[in-house]
Amino acid sequence: MNLHAMEKEMTYAESVQRLQAIVTEMEQDALDVDVLFEKVKEASRLIVNCREKLFKVDGEVKKILEELQ
C-alpha cells in the first residue's frame, strides 16, 4: 500500500496525530529543503483527508438529525 492510500485509511485522530508530529519536526529540526518539501506535501494531504472526514461526518449527523424530526 502506498503512502497516499495509507493516509486515506488513517482515522481522523491518526491524521491529526501525524500532523502534530510533522509540525514538531518542522519546529525542532533544521530540515533539508527537500525533506521539508515532502513534509509540507504530506501535511497538505493529511489536512485534505481530515477535511473530507469532517464534511462526511457533518453530513451524516445532519441526516440523522433530520430523520429524528
PDB file of N, CA and C in Angstrom:
ATOM      1  N   MET A   1       0.856  -1.174   0.000  1.00  0.00           N
ATOM      2  CA  MET A   1       0.000   0.000   0.000  1.00  0.00           C
ATOM      3  C   MET A   1       0.903   1.238   0.000  1.00  0.00           C
ATOM      4  N   ASN A   2       0.631   2.174  -0.896  1.00  0.00           N
ATOM      5  CA  ASN A   2       1.474   3.365  -0.963  1.00  0.00           C
ATOM      6  C   ASN A   2       1.080   4.381   0.111  1.00  0.00           C
ATOM      7  N   LEU A   3       1.878   5.405   0.237  1.00  0.00           N
ATOM      8  CA  LEU A   3       1.680   6.408   1.289  1.00  0.00           C
ATOM      9  C   LEU A   3       0.330   7.099   1.171  1.00  0.00           C
ATOM     10  N   HIS A   4      -0.074   7.442  -0.040  1.00  0.00           N
ATOM     11  CA  HIS A   4      -1.350   8.141  -0.226  1.00  0.00           C
ATOM     12  C   HIS A   4      -2.513   7.266   0.211  1.00  0.00           C
ATOM     13  N   ALA A   5      -2.476   5.997  -0.134  1.00  0.00           N
ATOM     14  CA  ALA A   5      -3.541   5.076   0.261  1.00  0.00           C
ATOM     15  C   ALA A   5      -3.563   4.904   1.772  1.00  0.00           C
ATOM     16  N   MET A   6      -2.377   4.833   2.375  1.00  0.00           N
ATOM     17  CA  MET A   6      -2.299   4.700   3.837  1.00  0.00           C
ATOM     18  C   MET A   6      -2.902   5.926   4.523  1.00  0.00           C
ATOM     19  N   GLU A   7      -2.640   7.102   3.977  1.00  0.00           N
ATOM     20  CA  GLU A   7      -3.190   8.331   4.556  1.00  0.00           C
ATOM     21  C   GLU A   7      -4.709   8.324   4.480  1.00  0.00           C
ATOM     22  N   LYS A   8      -5.270   7.826   3.379  1.00  0.00           N
ATOM     23  CA  LYS A   8      -6.726   7.771   3.225  1.00  0.00           C
ATOM     24  C   LYS A   8      -7.346   6.803   4.233  1.00  0.00           C
ATOM     25  N   GLU A   9      -6.598   5.767   4.626  1.00  0.00           N
ATOM     26  CA  GLU A   9      -7.103   4.768   5.555  1.00  0.00           C
ATOM     27  C   GLU A   9      -6.957   5.202   7.020  1.00  0.00           C
ATOM     28  N   MET A  10      -6.199   6.260   7.251  1.00  0.00           N
ATOM     29  CA  MET A  10      -5.983   6.720   8.623  1.00  0.00           C
ATOM     30  C   MET A  10      -7.275   7.286   9.192  1.00  0.00           C
ATOM     31  N   THR A  11      -7.459   7.082  10.486  1.00  0.00           N
ATOM     32  CA  THR A  11      -8.596   7.715  11.145  1.00  0.00           C
ATOM     33  C   THR A  11      -8.311   9.211  11.273  1.00  0.00           C
ATOM     34  N   TYR A  12      -9.343   9.953  11.617  1.00  0.00           N
ATOM     35  CA  TYR A  12      -9.181  11.391  11.831  1.00  0.00           C
ATOM     36  C   TYR A  12      -8.135  11.630  12.923  1.00  0.00           C
ATOM     37  N   ALA A  13      -8.257  10.895  14.023  1.00  0.00           N
ATOM     38  CA  ALA A  13      -7.323  11.070  15.145  1.00  0.00           C
ATOM     39  C   ALA A  13      -5.890  10.744  14.740  1.00  0.00           C
ATOM     40  N   GLU A  14      -5.703   9.700  13.936  1.00  0.00           N
ATOM     41  CA  GLU A  14      -4.364   9.338  13.467  1.00  0.00           C
ATOM     42  C   GLU A  14      -3.797  10.424  12.562  1.00  0.00           C
ATOM     43  N   SER A  15      -4.642  10.984  11.714  1.00  0.00           N
ATOM     44  CA  SER A  15      -4.194  12.055  10.818  1.00  0.00           C
ATOM     45  C   SER A  15      -3.772  13.289  11.606  1.00  0.00           C
ATOM     46  N   VAL A  16      -4.569  13.647  12.602  1.00  0.00           N
ATOM     47  CA  VAL A  16      -4.232  14.806  13.439  1.00  0.00           C
ATOM     48  C   VAL A  16      -2.936  14.551  14.198  1.00  0.00           C
ATOM     49  N   GLN A  17      -2.781  13.347  14.709  1.00  0.00           N
ATOM     50  CA  GLN A  17      -1.553  12.993  15.431  1.00  0.00           C
ATOM     51  C   GLN A  17      -0.334  13.093  14.512  1.00  0.00           C
ATOM     52  N   ARG A  18      -0.470  12.618  13.279  1.00  0.00           N
ATOM     53  CA  ARG A  18       0.634  12.702  12.317  1.00  0.00           C
ATOM     54  C   ARG A  18       0.927  14.157  11.969  1.00  0.00           C
ATOM     55  N   LEU A  19      -0.112  14.969  11.810  1.00  0.00           N
ATOM     56  CA  LEU A  19       0.085  16.396  11.547  1.00  0.00           C
ATOM     57  C   LEU A  19       0.851  17.061  12.679  1.00  0.00           C
ATOM     58  N   GLN A  20       0.493  16.714  13.913  1.00  0.00           N
ATOM     59  CA  GLN A  20       1.196  17.277  15.068  1.00  0.00           C
ATOM     60  C   GLN A  20       2.667  16.863  15.062  1.00  0.00           C
ATOM     61  N   ALA A  21       2.937  15.611  14.677  1.00  0.00           N
ATOM     62  CA  ALA A  21       4.319  15.137  14.615  1.00  0.00           C
ATOM     63  C   ALA A  21       5.102  15.896  13.539  1.00  0.00           C
ATOM     64  N   ILE A  22       4.465  16.142  12.415  1.00  0.00           N
ATOM     65  CA  ILE A  22       5.134  16.891  11.340  1.00  0.00           C
ATOM     66  C   ILE A  22       5.453  18.305  11.805  1.00  0.00           C
ATOM     67  N   VAL A  23       4.505  18.952  12.454  1.00  0.00           N
ATOM     68  CA  VAL A  23       4.732  20.309  12.953  1.00  0.00           C
ATOM     69  C   VAL A  23       5.891  20.314  13.952  1.00  0.00           C
ATOM     70  N   THR A  24       5.922  19.341  14.836  1.00  0.00           N
ATOM     71  CA  THR A  24       7.001  19.248  15.823  1.00  0.00           C
ATOM     72  C   THR A  24       8.349  19.094  15.128  1.00  0.00           C
ATOM     73  N   GLU A  25       8.398  18.217  14.119  1.00  0.00           N
ATOM     74  CA  GLU A  25       9.648  18.029  13.364  1.00  0.00           C
ATOM     75  C   GLU A  25      10.086  19.336  12.711  1.00  0.00           C
ATOM     76  N   MET A  26       9.127  20.045  12.145  1.00  0.00           N
ATOM     77  CA  MET A  26       9.452  21.290  11.456  1.00  0.00           C
ATOM     78  C   MET A  26       9.926  22.357  12.436  1.00  0.00           C
ATOM     79  N   GLU A  27       9.391  22.350  13.639  1.00  0.00           N
ATOM     80  CA  GLU A  27       9.771  23.355  14.634  1.00  0.00           C
ATOM     81  C   GLU A  27      11.117  23.043  15.281  1.00  0.00           C
ATOM     82  N   GLN A  28      11.443  21.777  15.430  1.00  0.00           N
ATOM     83  CA  GLN A  28      12.627  21.390  16.201  1.00  0.00           C
ATOM     84  C   GLN A  28      13.857  21.099  15.355  1.00  0.00           C
ATOM     85  N   ASP A  29      13.661  20.674  14.141  1.00  0.00           N
ATOM     86  CA  ASP A  29      14.794  20.243  13.331  1.00  0.00           C
ATOM     87  C   ASP A  29      15.101  21.246  12.234  1.00  0.00           C
ATOM     88  N   ALA A  30      16.362  21.273  11.876  1.00  0.00           N
ATOM     89  CA  ALA A  30      16.771  22.054  10.710  1.00  0.00           C
ATOM     90  C   ALA A  30      16.664  21.101   9.523  1.00  0.00           C
ATOM     91  N   LEU A  31      15.463  21.004   8.964  1.00  0.00           N
ATOM     92  CA  LEU A  31      15.218  20.053   7.896  1.00  0.00           C
ATOM     93  C   LEU A  31      15.805  20.532   6.578  1.00  0.00           C
ATOM     94  N   ASP A  32      16.339  19.588   5.844  1.00  0.00           N
ATOM     95  CA  ASP A  32      16.787  19.836   4.488  1.00  0.00           C
ATOM     96  C   ASP A  32      15.590  20.318   3.676  1.00  0.00           C
ATOM     97  N   VAL A  33      15.811  21.182   2.725  1.00  0.00           N
ATOM     98  CA  VAL A  33      14.710  21.765   1.962  1.00  0.00           C
ATOM     99  C   VAL A  33      13.893  20.682   1.249  1.00  0.00           C
ATOM    100  N   ASP A  34      14.540  19.633   0.775  1.00  0.00           N
ATOM    101  CA  ASP A  34      13.807  18.554   0.103  1.00  0.00           C
ATOM    102  C   ASP A  34      12.928  17.787   1.085  1.00  0.00           C
ATOM    103  N   VAL A  35      13.442  17.536   2.280  1.00  0.00           N
ATOM    104  CA  VAL A  35      12.674  16.849   3.315  1.00  0.00           C
ATOM    105  C   VAL A  35      11.515  17.734   3.762  1.00  0.00           C
ATOM    106  N   LEU A  36      11.796  19.009   3.941  1.00  0.00           N
ATOM    107  CA  LEU A  36      10.753  19.960   4.326  1.00  0.00           C
ATOM    108  C   LEU A  36       9.632  19.980   3.287  1.00  0.00           C
ATOM    109  N   PHE A  37      10.000  19.996   2.016  1.00  0.00           N
ATOM    110  CA  PHE A  37       9.015  19.994   0.944  1.00  0.00           C
ATOM    111  C   PHE A  37       8.131  18.750   1.024  1.00  0.00           C
ATOM    112  N   GLU A  38       8.715  17.591   1.266  1.00  0.00           N
ATOM    113  CA  GLU A  38       7.945  16.348   1.379  1.00  0.00           C
ATOM    114  C   GLU A  38       7.017  16.380   2.592  1.00  0.00           C
ATOM    115  N   LYS A  39       7.503  16.941   3.692  1.00  0.00           N
ATOM    116  CA  LYS A  39       6.670  17.061   4.904  1.00  0.00           C
ATOM    117  C   LYS A  39       5.476  17.981   4.650  1.00  0.00           C
ATOM    118  N   VAL A  40       5.703  19.074   3.941  1.00  0.00           N
ATOM    119  CA  VAL A  40       4.618  20.010   3.629  1.00  0.00           C
ATOM    120  C   VAL A  40       3.589  19.336   2.727  1.00  0.00           C
ATOM    121  N   LYS A  41       4.050  18.575   1.738  1.00  0.00           N
ATOM    122  CA  LYS A  41       3.117  17.858   0.861  1.00  0.00           C
ATOM    123  C   LYS A  41       2.309  16.825   1.649  1.00  0.00           C
ATOM    124  N   GLU A  42       2.975  16.092   2.534  1.00  0.00           N
ATOM    125  CA  GLU A  42       2.271  15.106   3.359  1.00  0.00           C
ATOM    126  C   GLU A  42       1.240  15.793   4.252  1.00  0.00           C
ATOM    127  N   ALA A  43       1.640  16.895   4.876  1.00  0.00           N
ATOM    128  CA  ALA A  43       0.719  17.634   5.743  1.00  0.00           C
ATOM    129  C   ALA A  43      -0.492  18.117   4.949  1.00  0.00           C
ATOM    130  N   SER A  44      -0.262  18.578   3.749  1.00  0.00           N
ATOM    131  CA  SER A  44      -1.359  19.042   2.901  1.00  0.00           C
ATOM    132  C   SER A  44      -2.345  17.915   2.612  1.00  0.00           C
ATOM    133  N   ARG A  45      -1.835  16.734   2.289  1.00  0.00           N
ATOM    134  CA  ARG A  45      -2.712  15.589   2.023  1.00  0.00           C
ATOM    135  C   ARG A  45      -3.479  15.199   3.280  1.00  0.00           C
ATOM    136  N   LEU A  46      -2.823  15.247   4.423  1.00  0.00           N
ATOM    137  CA  LEU A  46      -3.487  14.905   5.682  1.00  0.00           C
ATOM    138  C   LEU A  46      -4.593  15.907   6.011  1.00  0.00           C
ATOM    139  N   ILE A  47      -4.346  17.169   5.762  1.00  0.00           N
ATOM    140  CA  ILE A  47      -5.360  18.201   6.013  1.00  0.00           C
ATOM    141  C   ILE A  47      -6.574  17.974   5.115  1.00  0.00           C
ATOM    142  N   VAL A  48      -6.341  17.661   3.847  1.00  0.00           N
ATOM    143  CA  VAL A  48      -7.445  17.368   2.932  1.00  0.00           C
ATOM    144  C   VAL A  48      -8.221  16.159   3.430  1.00  0.00           C
ATOM    145  N   ASN A  49      -7.514  15.131   3.864  1.00  0.00           N
ATOM    146  CA  ASN A  49      -8.149  13.925   4.385  1.00  0.00           C
ATOM    147  C   ASN A  49      -9.008  14.246   5.609  1.00  0.00           C
ATOM    148  N   CYS A  50      -8.486  15.043   6.521  1.00  0.00           N
ATOM    149  CA  CYS A  50      -9.244  15.432   7.721  1.00  0.00           C
ATOM    150  C   CYS A  50     -10.486  16.228   7.335  1.00  0.00           C
ATOM    151  N   ARG A  51     -10.323  17.162   6.420  1.00  0.00           N
ATOM    152  CA  ARG A  51     -11.448  17.989   5.979  1.00  0.00           C
ATOM    153  C   ARG A  51     -12.539  17.113   5.366  1.00  0.00           C
ATOM    154  N   GLU A  52     -12.152  16.156   4.522  1.00  0.00           N
ATOM    155  CA  GLU A  52     -13.125  15.256   3.905  1.00  0.00           C
ATOM    156  C   GLU A  52     -13.875  14.453   4.954  1.00  0.00           C
ATOM    157  N   LYS A  53     -13.144  13.950   5.947  1.00  0.00           N
ATOM    158  CA  LYS A  53     -13.782  13.170   7.011  1.00  0.00           C
ATOM    159  C   LYS A  53     -14.756  14.032   7.808  1.00  0.00           C
ATOM    160  N   LEU A  54     -14.366  15.269   8.106  1.00  0.00           N
ATOM    161  CA  LEU A  54     -15.244  16.160   8.857  1.00  0.00           C
ATOM    162  C   LEU A  54     -16.519  16.480   8.082  1.00  0.00           C
ATOM    163  N   PHE A  55     -16.388  16.761   6.780  1.00  0.00           N
ATOM    164  CA  PHE A  55     -17.570  17.051   5.968  1.00  0.00           C
ATOM    165  C   PHE A  55     -18.487  15.835   5.871  1.00  0.00           C
ATOM    166  N   LYS A  56     -17.888  14.655   5.751  1.00  0.00           N
ATOM    167  CA  LYS A  56     -18.681  13.430   5.668  1.00  0.00           C
ATOM    168  C   LYS A  56     -19.461  13.220   6.962  1.00  0.00           C
ATOM    169  N   VAL A  57     -18.780  13.336   8.089  1.00  0.00           N
ATOM    170  CA  VAL A  57     -19.439  13.145   9.383  1.00  0.00           C
ATOM    171  C   VAL A  57     -20.515  14.201   9.595  1.00  0.00           C
ATOM    172  N   ASP A  58     -20.221  15.444   9.226  1.00  0.00           N
ATOM    173  CA  ASP A  58     -21.197  16.518   9.357  1.00  0.00           C
ATOM    174  C   ASP A  58     -22.469  16.187   8.572  1.00  0.00           C
ATOM    175  N   GLY A  59     -22.302  15.724   7.349  1.00  0.00           N
ATOM    176  CA  GLY A  59     -23.450  15.368   6.530  1.00  0.00           C
ATOM    177  C   GLY A  59     -24.246  14.220   7.125  1.00  0.00           C
ATOM    178  N   GLU A  60     -23.547  13.231   7.650  1.00  0.00           N
ATOM    179  CA  GLU A  60     -24.226  12.085   8.248  1.00  0.00           C
ATOM    180  C   GLU A  60     -24.988  12.482   9.511  1.00  0.00           C
ATOM    181  N   VAL A  61     -24.378  13.342  10.320  1.00  0.00           N
ATOM    182  CA  VAL A  61     -25.050  13.803  11.537  1.00  0.00           C
ATOM    183  C   VAL A  61     -26.302  14.608  11.176  1.00  0.00           C
ATOM    184  N   LYS A  62     -26.178  15.494  10.189  1.00  0.00           N
ATOM    185  CA  LYS A  62     -27.336  16.281   9.765  1.00  0.00           C
ATOM    186  C   LYS A  62     -28.459  15.370   9.268  1.00  0.00           C
ATOM    187  N   LYS A  63     -28.098  14.327   8.525  1.00  0.00           N
ATOM    188  CA  LYS A  63     -29.088  13.386   8.020  1.00  0.00           C
ATOM    189  C   LYS A  63     -29.797  12.677   9.180  1.00  0.00           C
ATOM    190  N   ILE A  64     -29.036  12.249  10.157  1.00  0.00           N
ATOM    191  CA  ILE A  64     -29.620  11.574  11.331  1.00  0.00           C
ATOM    192  C   ILE A  64     -30.560  12.515  12.073  1.00  0.00           C
ATOM    193  N   LEU A  65     -30.124  13.751  12.257  1.00  0.00           N
ATOM    194  CA  LEU A  65     -30.968  14.727  12.958  1.00  0.00           C
ATOM    195  C   LEU A  65     -32.251  15.026  12.195  1.00  0.00           C
ATOM    196  N   GLU A  66     -32.174  15.084  10.873  1.00  0.00           N
ATOM    197  CA  GLU A  66     -33.370  15.303  10.067  1.00  0.00           C
ATOM    198  C   GLU A  66     -34.345  14.136  10.198  1.00  0.00           C
ATOM    199  N   GLU A  67     -33.806  12.929  10.275  1.00  0.00           N
ATOM    200  CA  GLU A  67     -34.656  11.740  10.412  1.00  0.00           C
ATOM    201  C   GLU A  67     -35.358  11.708  11.763  1.00  0.00           C
ATOM    202  N   LEU A  68     -34.784  12.347  12.765  1.00  0.00           N
ATOM    203  CA  LEU A  68     -35.373  12.362  14.098  1.00  0.00           C
ATOM    204  C   LEU A  68     -36.521  13.361  14.217  1.00  0.00           C
ATOM    205  N   GLN A  69     -36.612  14.278  13.288  1.00  0.00           N
ATOM    206  CA  GLN A  69     -37.656  15.310  13.360  1.00  0.00           C
ATOM    207  C   GLN A  69     -38.964  14.811  12.794  1.00  0.00           C
TER     208      GLN A  69
END
